[in-house]
Amino acid sequence: MKTVTKDMIITDLLQVDRGLAAILMSHGMNCVGCPAAQGETLEEAAIGHGMDIDSLINEMNEFLAGQTA
């Protein structure tokens, strides 16, 4: 199973599953189209948006687990 980690670059994260973009956007993280997505990690983006990185990672990994179930 694919998993999300806090050190993943946003563009690499979106390569795992395009559905993860909807999760980012639902939290106000419009990183999907941001030029910083080419070099910013998920953790850096979460800090920049004042989000709890562990909560975000859990949500994304639960989504991925549901895709393979």
PDB file of N, CA and C in Angstrom:
ATOM      1  N   MET A   1       0.831  -1.182   0.000  1.00  0.00           N
ATOM      2  CA  MET A   1       0.000   0.000   0.000  1.00  0.00           C
ATOM      3  C   MET A   1       0.880   1.251   0.000  1.00  0.00           C
ATOM      4  N   LYS A   2       0.484   2.225  -0.779  1.00  0.00           N
ATOM      5  CA  LYS A   2       1.192   3.497  -0.813  1.00  0.00           C
ATOM      6  C   LYS A   2       0.832   4.291   0.436  1.00  0.00           C
ATOM      7  N   THR A   3       1.802   5.030   0.957  1.00  0.00           N
ATOM      8  CA  THR A   3       1.549   5.856   2.125  1.00  0.00           C
ATOM      9  C   THR A   3       2.133   7.249   1.923  1.00  0.00           C
ATOM     10  N   VAL A   4       1.560   8.188   2.629  1.00  0.00           N
ATOM     11  CA  VAL A   4       2.005   9.577   2.592  1.00  0.00           C
ATOM     12  C   VAL A   4       2.904   9.810   3.799  1.00  0.00           C
ATOM     13  N   THR A   5       4.001  10.535   3.584  1.00  0.00           N
ATOM     14  CA  THR A   5       4.895  10.930   4.667  1.00  0.00           C
ATOM     15  C   THR A   5       5.083  12.438   4.620  1.00  0.00           C
ATOM     16  N   LYS A   6       5.478  13.000   5.743  1.00  0.00           N
ATOM     17  CA  LYS A   6       5.589  14.454   5.825  1.00  0.00           C
ATOM     18  C   LYS A   6       6.715  15.027   4.971  1.00  0.00           C
ATOM     19  N   ASP A   7       7.666  14.199   4.590  1.00  0.00           N
ATOM     20  CA  ASP A   7       8.789  14.701   3.799  1.00  0.00           C
ATOM     21  C   ASP A   7       8.571  14.582   2.293  1.00  0.00           C
ATOM     22  N   MET A   8       7.369  14.191   1.875  1.00  0.00           N
ATOM     23  CA  MET A   8       7.071  14.082   0.440  1.00  0.00           C
ATOM     24  C   MET A   8       6.885  15.469  -0.166  1.00  0.00           C
ATOM     25  N   ILE A   9       7.442  15.657  -1.355  1.00  0.00           N
ATOM     26  CA  ILE A   9       7.232  16.890  -2.116  1.00  0.00           C
ATOM     27  C   ILE A   9       5.790  16.862  -2.635  1.00  0.00           C
ATOM     28  N   ILE A  10       5.125  18.007  -2.638  1.00  0.00           N
ATOM     29  CA  ILE A  10       3.717  18.075  -3.014  1.00  0.00           C
ATOM     30  C   ILE A  10       3.472  17.443  -4.388  1.00  0.00           C
ATOM     31  N   THR A  11       4.293  17.761  -5.380  1.00  0.00           N
ATOM     32  CA  THR A  11       4.068  17.188  -6.710  1.00  0.00           C
ATOM     33  C   THR A  11       4.227  15.670  -6.702  1.00  0.00           C
ATOM     34  N   ASP A  12       5.143  15.153  -5.896  1.00  0.00           N
ATOM     35  CA  ASP A  12       5.309  13.693  -5.781  1.00  0.00           C
ATOM     36  C   ASP A  12       4.096  13.075  -5.093  1.00  0.00           C
ATOM     37  N   LEU A  13       3.579  13.771  -4.107  1.00  0.00           N
ATOM     38  CA  LEU A  13       2.394  13.319  -3.389  1.00  0.00           C
ATOM     39  C   LEU A  13       1.211  13.160  -4.349  1.00  0.00           C
ATOM     40  N   LEU A  14       1.062  14.110  -5.249  1.00  0.00           N
ATOM     41  CA  LEU A  14      -0.044  14.064  -6.203  1.00  0.00           C
ATOM     42  C   LEU A  14       0.120  12.944  -7.218  1.00  0.00           C
ATOM     43  N   GLN A  15       1.335  12.475  -7.403  1.00  0.00           N
ATOM     44  CA  GLN A  15       1.589  11.347  -8.303  1.00  0.00           C
ATOM     45  C   GLN A  15       1.108  10.032  -7.675  1.00  0.00           C
ATOM     46  N   VAL A  16       1.079   9.973  -6.346  1.00  0.00           N
ATOM     47  CA  VAL A  16       0.628   8.778  -5.640  1.00  0.00           C
ATOM     48  C   VAL A  16      -0.839   8.520  -5.952  1.00  0.00           C
ATOM     49  N   ASP A  17      -1.664   9.572  -5.814  1.00  0.00           N
ATOM     50  CA  ASP A  17      -3.093   9.459  -6.135  1.00  0.00           C
ATOM     51  C   ASP A  17      -3.628  10.873  -6.306  1.00  0.00           C
ATOM     52  N   ARG A  18      -4.217  11.148  -7.453  1.00  0.00           N
ATOM     53  CA  ARG A  18      -4.736  12.493  -7.736  1.00  0.00           C
ATOM     54  C   ARG A  18      -5.849  12.884  -6.762  1.00  0.00           C
ATOM     55  N   GLY A  19      -6.484  11.914  -6.135  1.00  0.00           N
ATOM     56  CA  GLY A  19      -7.535  12.196  -5.166  1.00  0.00           C
ATOM     57  C   GLY A  19      -7.028  12.927  -3.938  1.00  0.00           C
ATOM     58  N   LEU A  20      -5.727  12.866  -3.698  1.00  0.00           N
ATOM     59  CA  LEU A  20      -5.145  13.573  -2.557  1.00  0.00           C
ATOM     60  C   LEU A  20      -5.245  15.080  -2.740  1.00  0.00           C
ATOM     61  N   ALA A  21      -5.338  15.537  -3.982  1.00  0.00           N
ATOM     62  CA  ALA A  21      -5.483  16.971  -4.252  1.00  0.00           C
ATOM     63  C   ALA A  21      -6.747  17.509  -3.606  1.00  0.00           C
ATOM     64  N   ALA A  22      -7.830  16.747  -3.646  1.00  0.00           N
ATOM     65  CA  ALA A  22      -9.089  17.186  -3.051  1.00  0.00           C
ATOM     66  C   ALA A  22      -8.959  17.365  -1.548  1.00  0.00           C
ATOM     67  N   ILE A  23      -8.163  16.512  -0.902  1.00  0.00           N
ATOM     68  CA  ILE A  23      -7.947  16.640   0.545  1.00  0.00           C
ATOM     69  C   ILE A  23      -7.166  17.916   0.835  1.00  0.00           C
ATOM     70  N   LEU A  24      -6.114  18.158   0.077  1.00  0.00           N
ATOM     71  CA  LEU A  24      -5.349  19.394   0.268  1.00  0.00           C
ATOM     72  C   LEU A  24      -6.244  20.612   0.101  1.00  0.00           C
ATOM     73  N   MET A  25      -7.017  20.615  -0.957  1.00  0.00           N
ATOM     74  CA  MET A  25      -7.865  21.768  -1.265  1.00  0.00           C
ATOM     75  C   MET A  25      -8.981  21.941  -0.233  1.00  0.00           C
ATOM     76  N   SER A  26      -9.479  20.851   0.327  1.00  0.00           N
ATOM     77  CA  SER A  26     -10.533  20.963   1.338  1.00  0.00           C
ATOM     78  C   SER A  26     -10.030  21.633   2.607  1.00  0.00           C
ATOM     79  N   HIS A  27      -8.717  21.662   2.781  1.00  0.00           N
ATOM     80  CA  HIS A  27      -8.111  22.309   3.941  1.00  0.00           C
ATOM     81  C   HIS A  27      -7.552  23.683   3.586  1.00  0.00           C
ATOM     82  N   GLY A  28      -7.904  24.183   2.405  1.00  0.00           N
ATOM     83  CA  GLY A  28      -7.433  25.501   1.990  1.00  0.00           C
ATOM     84  C   GLY A  28      -6.018  25.517   1.469  1.00  0.00           C
ATOM     85  N   MET A  29      -5.477  24.342   1.215  1.00  0.00           N
ATOM     86  CA  MET A  29      -4.120  24.239   0.694  1.00  0.00           C
ATOM     87  C   MET A  29      -4.200  24.069  -0.826  1.00  0.00           C
ATOM     88  N   ASN A  30      -4.133  25.180  -1.510  1.00  0.00           N
ATOM     89  CA  ASN A  30      -4.228  25.137  -2.969  1.00  0.00           C
ATOM     90  C   ASN A  30      -2.865  24.873  -3.592  1.00  0.00           C
ATOM     91  N   CYS A  31      -2.110  23.991  -2.954  1.00  0.00           N
ATOM     92  CA  CYS A  31      -0.758  23.640  -3.384  1.00  0.00           C
ATOM     93  C   CYS A  31      -0.743  22.939  -4.736  1.00  0.00           C
ATOM     94  N   VAL A  32      -1.882  22.486  -5.151  1.00  0.00           N
ATOM     95  CA  VAL A  32      -1.966  21.711  -6.384  1.00  0.00           C
ATOM     96  C   VAL A  32      -1.415  22.502  -7.561  1.00  0.00           C
ATOM     97  N   GLY A  33      -1.729  23.780  -7.627  1.00  0.00           N
ATOM     98  CA  GLY A  33      -1.273  24.590  -8.746  1.00  0.00           C
ATOM     99  C   GLY A  33      -0.186  25.577  -8.397  1.00  0.00           C
ATOM    100  N   CYS A  34       0.290  25.536  -7.184  1.00  0.00           N
ATOM    101  CA  CYS A  34       1.280  26.501  -6.714  1.00  0.00           C
ATOM    102  C   CYS A  34       2.682  26.134  -7.208  1.00  0.00           C
ATOM    103  N   PRO A  35       3.443  27.115  -7.706  1.00  0.00           N
ATOM    104  CA  PRO A  35       4.811  26.816  -8.143  1.00  0.00           C
ATOM    105  C   PRO A  35       5.686  26.241  -7.019  1.00  0.00           C
ATOM    106  N   ALA A  36       5.381  26.582  -5.776  1.00  0.00           N
ATOM    107  CA  ALA A  36       6.169  26.061  -4.659  1.00  0.00           C
ATOM    108  C   ALA A  36       5.999  24.557  -4.517  1.00  0.00           C
ATOM    109  N   ALA A  37       4.951  23.989  -5.093  1.00  0.00           N
ATOM    110  CA  ALA A  37       4.694  22.546  -4.982  1.00  0.00           C
ATOM    111  C   ALA A  37       5.822  21.722  -5.586  1.00  0.00           C
ATOM    112  N   GLN A  38       6.620  22.327  -6.433  1.00  0.00           N
ATOM    113  CA  GLN A  38       7.732  21.615  -7.063  1.00  0.00           C
ATOM    114  C   GLN A  38       8.851  21.306  -6.077  1.00  0.00           C
ATOM    115  N   GLY A  39       8.926  22.058  -4.965  1.00  0.00           N
ATOM    116  CA  GLY A  39      10.026  21.833  -4.043  1.00  0.00           C
ATOM    117  C   GLY A  39       9.630  21.866  -2.585  1.00  0.00           C
ATOM    118  N   GLU A  40       8.346  22.084  -2.312  1.00  0.00           N
ATOM    119  CA  GLU A  40       7.883  22.180  -0.930  1.00  0.00           C
ATOM    120  C   GLU A  40       7.384  20.826  -0.441  1.00  0.00           C
ATOM    121  N   THR A  41       7.785  20.470   0.778  1.00  0.00           N
ATOM    122  CA  THR A  41       7.306  19.213   1.346  1.00  0.00           C
ATOM    123  C   THR A  41       5.906  19.412   1.922  1.00  0.00           C
ATOM    124  N   LEU A  42       5.232  18.298   2.161  1.00  0.00           N
ATOM    125  CA  LEU A  42       3.910  18.352   2.771  1.00  0.00           C
ATOM    126  C   LEU A  42       4.013  19.024   4.141  1.00  0.00           C
ATOM    127  N   GLU A  43       5.046  18.713   4.893  1.00  0.00           N
ATOM    128  CA  GLU A  43       5.221  19.316   6.214  1.00  0.00           C
ATOM    129  C   GLU A  43       5.399  20.828   6.110  1.00  0.00           C
ATOM    130  N   GLU A  44       6.214  21.283   5.177  1.00  0.00           N
ATOM    131  CA  GLU A  44       6.421  22.721   5.003  1.00  0.00           C
ATOM    132  C   GLU A  44       5.122  23.419   4.629  1.00  0.00           C
ATOM    133  N   ALA A  45       4.341  22.803   3.770  1.00  0.00           N
ATOM    134  CA  ALA A  45       3.060  23.379   3.364  1.00  0.00           C
ATOM    135  C   ALA A  45       2.097  23.428   4.542  1.00  0.00           C
ATOM    136  N   ALA A  46       2.067  22.376   5.326  1.00  0.00           N
ATOM    137  CA  ALA A  46       1.181  22.325   6.488  1.00  0.00           C
ATOM    138  C   ALA A  46       1.564  23.403   7.503  1.00  0.00           C
ATOM    139  N   ILE A  47       2.840  23.563   7.754  1.00  0.00           N
ATOM    140  CA  ILE A  47       3.302  24.605   8.681  1.00  0.00           C
ATOM    141  C   ILE A  47       2.903  25.975   8.155  1.00  0.00           C
ATOM    142  N   GLY A  48       3.091  26.193   6.868  1.00  0.00           N
ATOM    143  CA  GLY A  48       2.746  27.470   6.250  1.00  0.00           C
ATOM    144  C   GLY A  48       1.265  27.803   6.341  1.00  0.00           C
ATOM    145  N   HIS A  49       0.444  26.759   6.435  1.00  0.00           N
ATOM    146  CA  HIS A  49      -1.002  26.949   6.524  1.00  0.00           C
ATOM    147  C   HIS A  49      -1.525  26.738   7.944  1.00  0.00           C
ATOM    148  N   GLY A  50      -0.607  26.585   8.902  1.00  0.00           N
ATOM    149  CA  GLY A  50      -0.999  26.429  10.300  1.00  0.00           C
ATOM    150  C   GLY A  50      -1.773  25.155  10.590  1.00  0.00           C
ATOM    151  N   MET A  51      -1.425  24.088   9.893  1.00  0.00           N
ATOM    152  CA  MET A  51      -2.141  22.820  10.052  1.00  0.00           C
ATOM    153  C   MET A  51      -1.332  21.814  10.870  1.00  0.00           C
ATOM    154  N   ASP A  52      -2.047  20.886  11.463  1.00  0.00           N
ATOM    155  CA  ASP A  52      -1.428  19.772  12.182  1.00  0.00           C
ATOM    156  C   ASP A  52      -1.021  18.716  11.151  1.00  0.00           C
ATOM    157  N   ILE A  53       0.263  18.538  10.959  1.00  0.00           N
ATOM    158  CA  ILE A  53       0.768  17.636   9.927  1.00  0.00           C
ATOM    159  C   ILE A  53       0.355  16.192  10.181  1.00  0.00           C
ATOM    160  N   ASP A  54       0.356  15.764  11.437  1.00  0.00           N
ATOM    161  CA  ASP A  54       0.003  14.379  11.729  1.00  0.00           C
ATOM    162  C   ASP A  54      -1.453  14.086  11.380  1.00  0.00           C
ATOM    163  N   SER A  55      -2.326  15.026  11.670  1.00  0.00           N
ATOM    164  CA  SER A  55      -3.742  14.867  11.337  1.00  0.00           C
ATOM    165  C   SER A  55      -3.932  14.791   9.823  1.00  0.00           C
ATOM    166  N   LEU A  56      -3.233  15.650   9.100  1.00  0.00           N
ATOM    167  CA  LEU A  56      -3.337  15.670   7.641  1.00  0.00           C
ATOM    168  C   LEU A  56      -2.820  14.359   7.043  1.00  0.00           C
ATOM    169  N   ILE A  57      -1.694  13.879   7.522  1.00  0.00           N
ATOM    170  CA  ILE A  57      -1.125  12.622   7.029  1.00  0.00           C
ATOM    171  C   ILE A  57      -2.077  11.464   7.306  1.00  0.00           C
ATOM    172  N   ASN A  58      -2.648  11.444   8.508  1.00  0.00           N
ATOM    173  CA  ASN A  58      -3.606  10.382   8.836  1.00  0.00           C
ATOM    174  C   ASN A  58      -4.797  10.399   7.890  1.00  0.00           C
ATOM    175  N   GLU A  59      -5.320  11.577   7.615  1.00  0.00           N
ATOM    176  CA  GLU A  59      -6.463  11.684   6.703  1.00  0.00           C
ATOM    177  C   GLU A  59      -6.101  11.171   5.305  1.00  0.00           C
ATOM    178  N   MET A  60      -4.938  11.543   4.833  1.00  0.00           N
ATOM    179  CA  MET A  60      -4.515  11.121   3.492  1.00  0.00           C
ATOM    180  C   MET A  60      -4.273   9.616   3.439  1.00  0.00           C
ATOM    181  N   ASN A  61      -3.639   9.065   4.465  1.00  0.00           N
ATOM    182  CA  ASN A  61      -3.376   7.628   4.470  1.00  0.00           C
ATOM    183  C   ASN A  61      -4.659   6.817   4.632  1.00  0.00           C
ATOM    184  N   GLU A  62      -5.633   7.341   5.365  1.00  0.00           N
ATOM    185  CA  GLU A  62      -6.938   6.675   5.449  1.00  0.00           C
ATOM    186  C   GLU A  62      -7.615   6.672   4.079  1.00  0.00           C
ATOM    187  N   PHE A  63      -7.500   7.762   3.362  1.00  0.00           N
ATOM    188  CA  PHE A  63      -8.046   7.846   2.006  1.00  0.00           C
ATOM    189  C   PHE A  63      -7.391   6.776   1.116  1.00  0.00           C
ATOM    190  N   LEU A  64      -6.064   6.685   1.159  1.00  0.00           N
ATOM    191  CA  LEU A  64      -5.359   5.709   0.336  1.00  0.00           C
ATOM    192  C   LEU A  64      -5.717   4.283   0.715  1.00  0.00           C
ATOM    193  N   ALA A  65      -5.863   4.030   2.014  1.00  0.00           N
ATOM    194  CA  ALA A  65      -6.249   2.697   2.465  1.00  0.00           C
ATOM    195  C   ALA A  65      -7.629   2.330   1.923  1.00  0.00           C
ATOM    196  N   GLY A  66      -8.516   3.297   1.853  1.00  0.00           N
ATOM    197  CA  GLY A  66      -9.844   3.055   1.298  1.00  0.00           C
ATOM    198  C   GLY A  66      -9.832   2.776  -0.184  1.00  0.00           C
ATOM    199  N   GLN A  67      -8.835   3.283  -0.880  1.00  0.00           N
ATOM    200  CA  GLN A  67      -8.715   3.070  -2.324  1.00  0.00           C
ATOM    201  C   GLN A  67      -8.322   1.632  -2.642  1.00  0.00           C
ATOM    202  N   THR A  68      -7.568   1.022  -1.731  1.00  0.00           N
ATOM    203  CA  THR A  68      -7.085  -0.337  -1.978  1.00  0.00           C
ATOM    204  C   THR A  68      -7.964  -1.414  -1.353  1.00  0.00           C
ATOM    205  N   ALA A  69      -8.923  -0.983  -0.548  1.00  0.00           N
ATOM    206  CA  ALA A  69      -9.794  -1.948   0.141  1.00  0.00           C
ATOM    207  C   ALA A  69     -10.793  -2.575  -0.802  1.00  0.00           C
TER     208      ALA A  69
END
